[in-house]
């Protein structure tokens, strides 16, 4: 825990984790978030610019909430583009196609390493039992 200045208002506060903003500004942001969320529900086909003007919240803040997947615009609004391929998206940072590709690539790179570590651990345990008569494992 440390002492920091709030990035929004400049007041000094005890920083624990997360965004470096004080409790007062955090509450104001949450109030703004609820206002934007309600506005989007009532006006589903509005873009970020119209929502920002209607709620008096910055476009940057709304985009941040969309990237964090706290807000989702209707499919037709096309408020953001996928950071990978540029396709229009309603929420998050990546389109579903790119998310699936990244997940597949990640799983493919992790699986061989996990299998090798599991085999090495089992071999080491078997060697320990054989050589020292210490630890024993019951096979399921």
N, C-alpha and C. Protein backbone atom coordinates (compact mmCIF):
# COMPACT_ATOMS: atom_id res chain seq x y z
N UNK A 1 0.85 -1.17 0.00
CA UNK A 1 0.00 0.00 0.00
C UNK A 1 0.90 1.23 0.00
N UNK A 2 0.49 2.23 -0.77
CA UNK A 2 1.28 3.44 -0.86
C UNK A 2 0.38 4.65 -0.98
N UNK A 3 0.98 5.80 -0.88
CA UNK A 3 0.24 7.05 -1.00
C UNK A 3 0.46 7.57 -2.42
N UNK A 4 -0.64 7.93 -3.08
CA UNK A 4 -0.57 8.46 -4.44
C UNK A 4 -1.50 9.64 -4.60
N UNK A 5 -1.30 10.35 -5.70
CA UNK A 5 -2.24 11.40 -6.07
C UNK A 5 -3.24 10.78 -7.04
N UNK A 6 -4.49 11.15 -6.88
CA UNK A 6 -5.56 10.68 -7.75
C UNK A 6 -5.28 11.19 -9.17
N UNK A 7 -5.40 10.32 -10.15
CA UNK A 7 -5.14 10.73 -11.53
C UNK A 7 -6.25 11.60 -12.10
N UNK A 8 -7.39 11.65 -11.45
CA UNK A 8 -8.51 12.48 -11.93
C UNK A 8 -8.55 13.84 -11.24
N UNK A 9 -8.49 13.84 -9.90
CA UNK A 9 -8.68 15.10 -9.18
C UNK A 9 -7.40 15.61 -8.52
N UNK A 10 -6.38 14.77 -8.39
CA UNK A 10 -5.13 15.21 -7.81
C UNK A 10 -5.02 15.06 -6.30
N UNK A 11 -6.12 14.66 -5.63
CA UNK A 11 -6.06 14.50 -4.17
C UNK A 11 -5.14 13.33 -3.80
N UNK A 12 -4.56 13.41 -2.61
CA UNK A 12 -3.72 12.33 -2.09
C UNK A 12 -4.63 11.29 -1.45
N UNK A 13 -4.32 10.00 -1.72
CA UNK A 13 -5.11 8.91 -1.13
C UNK A 13 -4.22 7.69 -0.96
N UNK A 14 -4.68 6.75 -0.15
CA UNK A 14 -3.96 5.49 0.06
C UNK A 14 -4.30 4.54 -1.08
N UNK A 15 -3.30 4.24 -1.89
CA UNK A 15 -3.48 3.38 -3.06
C UNK A 15 -3.26 1.93 -2.65
N UNK A 16 -4.21 1.07 -3.03
CA UNK A 16 -4.08 -0.36 -2.75
C UNK A 16 -3.83 -1.12 -4.05
N UNK A 17 -4.76 -1.05 -4.98
CA UNK A 17 -4.63 -1.75 -6.26
C UNK A 17 -5.63 -1.16 -7.25
N UNK A 18 -5.46 -1.53 -8.52
CA UNK A 18 -6.40 -1.08 -9.55
C UNK A 18 -6.03 0.28 -10.08
N UNK A 19 -7.06 0.99 -10.57
CA UNK A 19 -6.82 2.32 -11.11
C UNK A 19 -6.34 3.27 -10.00
N UNK A 20 -5.41 4.15 -10.33
CA UNK A 20 -4.92 5.09 -9.31
C UNK A 20 -5.86 6.29 -9.14
N UNK A 21 -7.07 6.02 -8.66
CA UNK A 21 -8.04 7.09 -8.41
C UNK A 21 -8.58 6.96 -6.99
N UNK A 22 -8.95 8.09 -6.41
CA UNK A 22 -9.46 8.10 -5.04
C UNK A 22 -10.87 7.53 -4.98
N UNK A 23 -11.34 7.28 -3.79
CA UNK A 23 -12.67 6.68 -3.60
C UNK A 23 -13.78 7.59 -4.12
N UNK A 24 -13.65 8.88 -3.93
CA UNK A 24 -14.67 9.82 -4.43
C UNK A 24 -14.77 9.74 -5.95
N UNK A 25 -13.64 9.77 -6.63
CA UNK A 25 -13.65 9.69 -8.09
C UNK A 25 -14.12 8.32 -8.57
N UNK A 26 -13.79 7.27 -7.82
CA UNK A 26 -14.25 5.92 -8.17
C UNK A 26 -15.78 5.86 -8.13
N UNK A 27 -16.37 6.47 -7.10
CA UNK A 27 -17.83 6.50 -7.00
C UNK A 27 -18.45 7.32 -8.13
N UNK A 28 -17.82 8.44 -8.48
CA UNK A 28 -18.30 9.27 -9.59
C UNK A 28 -18.24 8.49 -10.90
N UNK A 29 -17.13 7.75 -11.11
CA UNK A 29 -16.99 6.96 -12.32
C UNK A 29 -18.07 5.88 -12.39
N UNK A 30 -18.36 5.26 -11.27
CA UNK A 30 -19.39 4.21 -11.25
C UNK A 30 -20.77 4.81 -11.53
N UNK A 31 -21.03 6.00 -11.02
CA UNK A 31 -22.29 6.69 -11.31
C UNK A 31 -22.38 6.99 -12.81
N UNK A 32 -21.28 7.50 -13.39
CA UNK A 32 -21.25 7.77 -14.82
C UNK A 32 -21.46 6.48 -15.62
N UNK A 33 -20.84 5.40 -15.17
CA UNK A 33 -20.99 4.11 -15.86
C UNK A 33 -22.45 3.68 -15.89
N UNK A 34 -23.12 3.78 -14.74
CA UNK A 34 -24.53 3.39 -14.69
C UNK A 34 -25.38 4.28 -15.60
N UNK A 35 -25.05 5.57 -15.64
CA UNK A 35 -25.78 6.50 -16.50
C UNK A 35 -25.61 6.11 -17.98
N UNK A 36 -24.37 5.78 -18.37
CA UNK A 36 -24.09 5.38 -19.75
C UNK A 36 -24.78 4.06 -20.07
N UNK A 37 -24.72 3.13 -19.14
CA UNK A 37 -25.34 1.81 -19.34
C UNK A 37 -26.84 1.96 -19.56
N UNK A 38 -27.49 2.77 -18.74
CA UNK A 38 -28.93 3.00 -18.89
C UNK A 38 -29.24 3.70 -20.21
N UNK A 39 -28.40 4.66 -20.60
CA UNK A 39 -28.61 5.39 -21.85
C UNK A 39 -28.53 4.43 -23.04
N UNK A 40 -27.56 3.52 -23.01
CA UNK A 40 -27.40 2.56 -24.10
C UNK A 40 -28.60 1.61 -24.17
N UNK A 41 -29.13 1.21 -23.01
CA UNK A 41 -30.32 0.35 -23.00
C UNK A 41 -31.51 1.06 -23.62
N UNK A 42 -31.68 2.35 -23.32
CA UNK A 42 -32.80 3.12 -23.84
C UNK A 42 -32.60 3.51 -25.30
N UNK A 43 -31.36 3.66 -25.75
CA UNK A 43 -31.03 4.09 -27.12
C UNK A 43 -30.02 3.10 -27.72
N UNK A 44 -30.45 1.90 -28.08
CA UNK A 44 -29.50 0.85 -28.45
C UNK A 44 -28.70 1.08 -29.73
N UNK A 45 -29.17 1.91 -30.63
CA UNK A 45 -28.46 2.09 -31.91
C UNK A 45 -27.59 3.33 -31.95
N UNK A 46 -27.33 3.94 -30.83
CA UNK A 46 -26.48 5.12 -30.76
C UNK A 46 -25.00 4.72 -30.78
N UNK A 47 -24.18 5.57 -31.35
CA UNK A 47 -22.73 5.36 -31.35
C UNK A 47 -22.10 5.98 -30.13
N UNK A 48 -20.80 5.83 -30.01
CA UNK A 48 -20.08 6.36 -28.85
C UNK A 48 -20.22 7.87 -28.75
N UNK A 49 -20.09 8.56 -29.87
CA UNK A 49 -20.15 10.03 -29.86
C UNK A 49 -21.49 10.51 -29.31
N UNK A 50 -22.60 9.91 -29.77
CA UNK A 50 -23.93 10.32 -29.31
C UNK A 50 -24.13 9.99 -27.83
N UNK A 51 -23.64 8.82 -27.41
CA UNK A 51 -23.76 8.42 -26.00
C UNK A 51 -22.95 9.37 -25.13
N UNK A 52 -21.73 9.71 -25.56
CA UNK A 52 -20.88 10.62 -24.79
C UNK A 52 -21.54 11.99 -24.63
N UNK A 53 -22.13 12.49 -25.71
CA UNK A 53 -22.81 13.78 -25.63
C UNK A 53 -24.06 13.70 -24.77
N UNK A 54 -24.81 12.62 -24.90
CA UNK A 54 -26.05 12.47 -24.14
C UNK A 54 -25.82 12.29 -22.64
N UNK A 55 -24.71 11.69 -22.28
CA UNK A 55 -24.43 11.41 -20.86
C UNK A 55 -23.38 12.34 -20.26
N UNK A 56 -22.78 13.18 -21.09
CA UNK A 56 -21.71 14.07 -20.65
C UNK A 56 -20.54 13.31 -20.02
N UNK A 57 -20.13 12.24 -20.72
CA UNK A 57 -18.99 11.42 -20.32
C UNK A 57 -18.05 11.38 -21.52
N UNK A 58 -16.75 11.36 -21.29
CA UNK A 58 -15.80 11.40 -22.40
C UNK A 58 -15.88 10.13 -23.24
N UNK A 59 -15.61 10.29 -24.54
CA UNK A 59 -15.60 9.15 -25.45
C UNK A 59 -14.52 8.15 -25.03
N UNK A 60 -13.39 8.67 -24.57
CA UNK A 60 -12.30 7.80 -24.13
C UNK A 60 -12.71 6.90 -22.98
N UNK A 61 -13.46 7.44 -22.03
CA UNK A 61 -13.91 6.65 -20.89
C UNK A 61 -14.88 5.56 -21.35
N UNK A 62 -15.78 5.91 -22.26
CA UNK A 62 -16.73 4.92 -22.78
C UNK A 62 -15.99 3.82 -23.52
N UNK A 63 -15.00 4.20 -24.34
CA UNK A 63 -14.20 3.19 -25.06
C UNK A 63 -13.47 2.28 -24.10
N UNK A 64 -12.98 2.83 -22.99
CA UNK A 64 -12.29 2.01 -22.00
C UNK A 64 -13.25 0.97 -21.42
N UNK A 65 -14.47 1.39 -21.08
CA UNK A 65 -15.46 0.44 -20.54
C UNK A 65 -15.82 -0.62 -21.56
N UNK A 66 -15.87 -0.25 -22.83
CA UNK A 66 -16.17 -1.23 -23.89
C UNK A 66 -15.02 -2.21 -24.01
N UNK A 67 -13.77 -1.73 -24.00
CA UNK A 67 -12.61 -2.62 -24.08
C UNK A 67 -12.54 -3.56 -22.88
N UNK A 68 -12.95 -3.07 -21.71
CA UNK A 68 -12.95 -3.90 -20.50
C UNK A 68 -14.13 -4.87 -20.49
N UNK A 69 -14.99 -4.79 -21.51
CA UNK A 69 -16.19 -5.61 -21.65
C UNK A 69 -17.21 -5.35 -20.56
N UNK A 70 -17.21 -4.15 -20.04
CA UNK A 70 -18.24 -3.74 -19.08
C UNK A 70 -19.47 -3.22 -19.81
N UNK A 71 -19.26 -2.69 -21.02
CA UNK A 71 -20.35 -2.18 -21.85
C UNK A 71 -20.35 -2.93 -23.18
N UNK A 72 -21.55 -3.06 -23.75
CA UNK A 72 -21.66 -3.67 -25.06
C UNK A 72 -22.67 -2.88 -25.87
N UNK A 73 -22.26 -2.46 -27.05
CA UNK A 73 -23.15 -1.75 -27.95
C UNK A 73 -23.85 -2.76 -28.86
N UNK A 74 -24.92 -2.35 -29.51
CA UNK A 74 -25.62 -3.24 -30.44
C UNK A 74 -24.69 -3.55 -31.60
N UNK A 75 -24.95 -4.66 -32.26
CA UNK A 75 -24.09 -5.12 -33.36
C UNK A 75 -23.98 -4.09 -34.48
N UNK A 76 -25.05 -3.38 -34.77
CA UNK A 76 -25.05 -2.40 -35.85
C UNK A 76 -24.29 -1.12 -35.53
N UNK A 77 -24.03 -0.86 -34.26
CA UNK A 77 -23.38 0.39 -33.89
C UNK A 77 -21.92 0.42 -34.31
N UNK A 78 -21.23 -0.73 -34.28
CA UNK A 78 -19.83 -0.81 -34.71
C UNK A 78 -18.95 0.25 -34.08
N UNK A 79 -18.92 0.30 -32.77
CA UNK A 79 -18.22 1.38 -32.07
C UNK A 79 -16.71 1.22 -32.06
N UNK A 80 -16.22 0.00 -32.06
CA UNK A 80 -14.78 -0.25 -32.04
C UNK A 80 -14.41 -1.25 -33.11
N UNK A 81 -13.12 -1.34 -33.40
CA UNK A 81 -12.63 -2.33 -34.35
C UNK A 81 -11.70 -3.30 -33.62
N UNK A 82 -11.68 -4.53 -34.10
CA UNK A 82 -10.80 -5.56 -33.56
C UNK A 82 -9.36 -5.09 -33.69
N UNK A 83 -8.58 -5.24 -32.63
CA UNK A 83 -7.18 -4.81 -32.65
C UNK A 83 -6.32 -5.70 -33.53
N UNK A 84 -6.80 -6.89 -33.86
CA UNK A 84 -6.04 -7.82 -34.68
C UNK A 84 -6.35 -7.67 -36.17
N UNK A 85 -7.64 -7.74 -36.54
CA UNK A 85 -8.01 -7.75 -37.96
C UNK A 85 -8.77 -6.51 -38.41
N UNK A 86 -9.24 -5.68 -37.49
CA UNK A 86 -9.94 -4.46 -37.85
C UNK A 86 -11.44 -4.61 -38.05
N UNK A 87 -11.99 -5.79 -37.81
CA UNK A 87 -13.43 -6.00 -37.97
C UNK A 87 -14.19 -5.22 -36.90
N UNK A 88 -15.39 -4.72 -37.21
CA UNK A 88 -16.18 -4.01 -36.19
C UNK A 88 -16.61 -4.95 -35.07
N UNK A 89 -16.51 -4.48 -33.84
CA UNK A 89 -16.91 -5.29 -32.68
C UNK A 89 -17.79 -4.45 -31.76
N UNK A 90 -18.58 -5.13 -30.94
CA UNK A 90 -19.50 -4.44 -30.03
C UNK A 90 -18.89 -4.27 -28.64
N UNK A 91 -17.94 -5.13 -28.27
CA UNK A 91 -17.33 -5.05 -26.95
C UNK A 91 -15.98 -5.75 -26.97
N UNK A 92 -15.13 -5.43 -26.02
CA UNK A 92 -13.83 -6.07 -25.90
C UNK A 92 -12.78 -5.45 -26.79
N UNK A 93 -11.73 -6.22 -27.06
CA UNK A 93 -10.63 -5.74 -27.88
C UNK A 93 -10.49 -6.52 -29.18
N UNK A 94 -11.04 -7.74 -29.21
CA UNK A 94 -10.87 -8.61 -30.37
C UNK A 94 -12.21 -9.18 -30.80
N UNK A 95 -12.34 -9.49 -32.10
CA UNK A 95 -13.55 -10.14 -32.61
C UNK A 95 -13.53 -11.61 -32.20
N UNK A 96 -14.66 -12.28 -32.35
CA UNK A 96 -14.76 -13.68 -31.94
C UNK A 96 -13.81 -14.57 -32.72
N UNK A 97 -13.63 -14.30 -34.01
CA UNK A 97 -12.74 -15.10 -34.84
C UNK A 97 -11.30 -15.00 -34.34
N UNK A 98 -10.85 -13.80 -34.05
CA UNK A 98 -9.48 -13.62 -33.56
C UNK A 98 -9.30 -14.19 -32.16
N UNK A 99 -10.33 -14.07 -31.30
CA UNK A 99 -10.26 -14.67 -29.97
C UNK A 99 -10.08 -16.18 -30.07
N UNK A 100 -10.86 -16.81 -30.98
CA UNK A 100 -10.77 -18.26 -31.15
C UNK A 100 -9.39 -18.66 -31.67
N UNK A 101 -8.86 -17.89 -32.60
CA UNK A 101 -7.53 -18.18 -33.14
C UNK A 101 -6.46 -18.05 -32.06
N UNK A 102 -6.53 -16.99 -31.25
CA UNK A 102 -5.55 -16.80 -30.17
C UNK A 102 -5.66 -17.92 -29.14
N UNK A 103 -6.88 -18.31 -28.80
CA UNK A 103 -7.07 -19.40 -27.84
C UNK A 103 -6.48 -20.69 -28.36
N UNK A 104 -6.73 -20.98 -29.64
CA UNK A 104 -6.17 -22.19 -30.25
C UNK A 104 -4.67 -22.16 -30.25
N UNK A 105 -4.07 -21.02 -30.60
CA UNK A 105 -2.61 -20.90 -30.61
C UNK A 105 -2.03 -21.07 -29.21
N UNK A 106 -2.69 -20.47 -28.22
CA UNK A 106 -2.21 -20.57 -26.85
C UNK A 106 -2.29 -22.01 -26.35
N UNK A 107 -3.41 -22.67 -26.61
CA UNK A 107 -3.56 -24.07 -26.19
C UNK A 107 -2.53 -24.96 -26.87
N UNK A 108 -2.28 -24.72 -28.15
CA UNK A 108 -1.30 -25.52 -28.88
C UNK A 108 0.11 -25.33 -28.32
N UNK A 109 0.43 -24.13 -27.87
CA UNK A 109 1.77 -23.89 -27.34
C UNK A 109 1.92 -24.38 -25.90
N UNK A 110 0.84 -24.43 -25.16
CA UNK A 110 0.92 -24.86 -23.76
C UNK A 110 0.91 -26.38 -23.62
N UNK A 111 0.13 -27.07 -24.40
CA UNK A 111 -0.05 -28.52 -24.25
C UNK A 111 1.26 -29.31 -24.26
N UNK A 112 2.16 -29.13 -25.23
CA UNK A 112 3.39 -29.92 -25.22
C UNK A 112 4.22 -29.70 -23.96
N UNK A 113 4.32 -28.47 -23.50
CA UNK A 113 5.09 -28.18 -22.31
C UNK A 113 4.49 -28.80 -21.06
N UNK A 114 3.17 -28.77 -20.96
CA UNK A 114 2.50 -29.36 -19.80
C UNK A 114 2.70 -30.86 -19.77
N UNK A 115 2.59 -31.49 -20.92
CA UNK A 115 2.75 -32.95 -20.99
C UNK A 115 4.17 -33.35 -20.61
N UNK A 116 5.16 -32.60 -21.07
CA UNK A 116 6.55 -32.91 -20.76
C UNK A 116 6.82 -32.73 -19.26
N UNK A 117 6.28 -31.67 -18.65
CA UNK A 117 6.47 -31.46 -17.21
C UNK A 117 5.81 -32.57 -16.39
N UNK A 118 4.60 -32.99 -16.81
CA UNK A 118 3.90 -34.05 -16.09
C UNK A 118 4.68 -35.36 -16.17
N UNK A 119 5.21 -35.67 -17.36
CA UNK A 119 5.98 -36.90 -17.53
C UNK A 119 7.27 -36.84 -16.70
N UNK A 120 7.94 -35.70 -16.69
CA UNK A 120 9.18 -35.56 -15.92
C UNK A 120 8.89 -35.72 -14.42
N UNK A 121 7.79 -35.17 -13.95
CA UNK A 121 7.43 -35.30 -12.53
C UNK A 121 7.14 -36.76 -12.18
N UNK A 122 6.44 -37.46 -13.05
CA UNK A 122 6.13 -38.87 -12.80
C UNK A 122 7.40 -39.71 -12.81
N UNK A 123 8.32 -39.42 -13.76
CA UNK A 123 9.59 -40.16 -13.82
C UNK A 123 10.42 -39.91 -12.57
N UNK A 124 10.45 -38.67 -12.11
CA UNK A 124 11.22 -38.34 -10.90
C UNK A 124 10.64 -39.04 -9.68
N UNK A 125 9.32 -39.09 -9.59
CA UNK A 125 8.68 -39.77 -8.45
C UNK A 125 8.96 -41.26 -8.49
N UNK A 126 8.91 -41.84 -9.68
CA UNK A 126 9.19 -43.28 -9.81
C UNK A 126 10.64 -43.57 -9.44
N UNK A 127 11.57 -42.71 -9.86
CA UNK A 127 12.98 -42.90 -9.54
C UNK A 127 13.21 -42.77 -8.04
N UNK A 128 12.52 -41.84 -7.39
CA UNK A 128 12.67 -41.66 -5.95
C UNK A 128 12.20 -42.89 -5.20
N UNK A 129 11.10 -43.48 -5.63
CA UNK A 129 10.58 -44.68 -4.97
C UNK A 129 11.52 -45.85 -5.18
N UNK A 130 12.03 -45.97 -6.39
CA UNK A 130 12.90 -47.10 -6.74
C UNK A 130 14.24 -47.01 -6.01
N UNK A 131 14.81 -45.80 -5.95
CA UNK A 131 16.15 -45.64 -5.38
C UNK A 131 16.15 -45.50 -3.87
N UNK A 132 15.20 -44.82 -3.31
CA UNK A 132 15.24 -44.53 -1.88
C UNK A 132 14.14 -45.21 -1.11
N UNK A 133 13.17 -45.73 -1.79
CA UNK A 133 12.08 -46.37 -1.10
C UNK A 133 11.24 -45.39 -0.32
N UNK A 134 11.30 -44.11 -0.66
CA UNK A 134 10.60 -43.07 0.07
C UNK A 134 9.15 -42.91 -0.36
N UNK A 135 8.90 -41.95 -1.16
CA UNK A 135 7.54 -41.58 -1.55
C UNK A 135 6.93 -42.64 -2.45
N UNK A 136 5.66 -42.95 -2.19
CA UNK A 136 4.94 -43.92 -3.02
C UNK A 136 3.65 -43.29 -3.54
N UNK A 137 3.29 -43.64 -4.76
CA UNK A 137 2.08 -43.13 -5.38
C UNK A 137 1.17 -44.30 -5.71
N UNK A 138 -0.10 -44.12 -5.47
CA UNK A 138 -1.09 -45.13 -5.83
C UNK A 138 -1.66 -44.73 -7.17
N UNK A 139 -1.60 -45.64 -8.13
CA UNK A 139 -2.16 -45.35 -9.45
C UNK A 139 -3.66 -45.53 -9.41
N UNK A 140 -4.38 -44.60 -10.05
CA UNK A 140 -5.85 -44.68 -10.11
C UNK A 140 -6.30 -45.65 -11.13
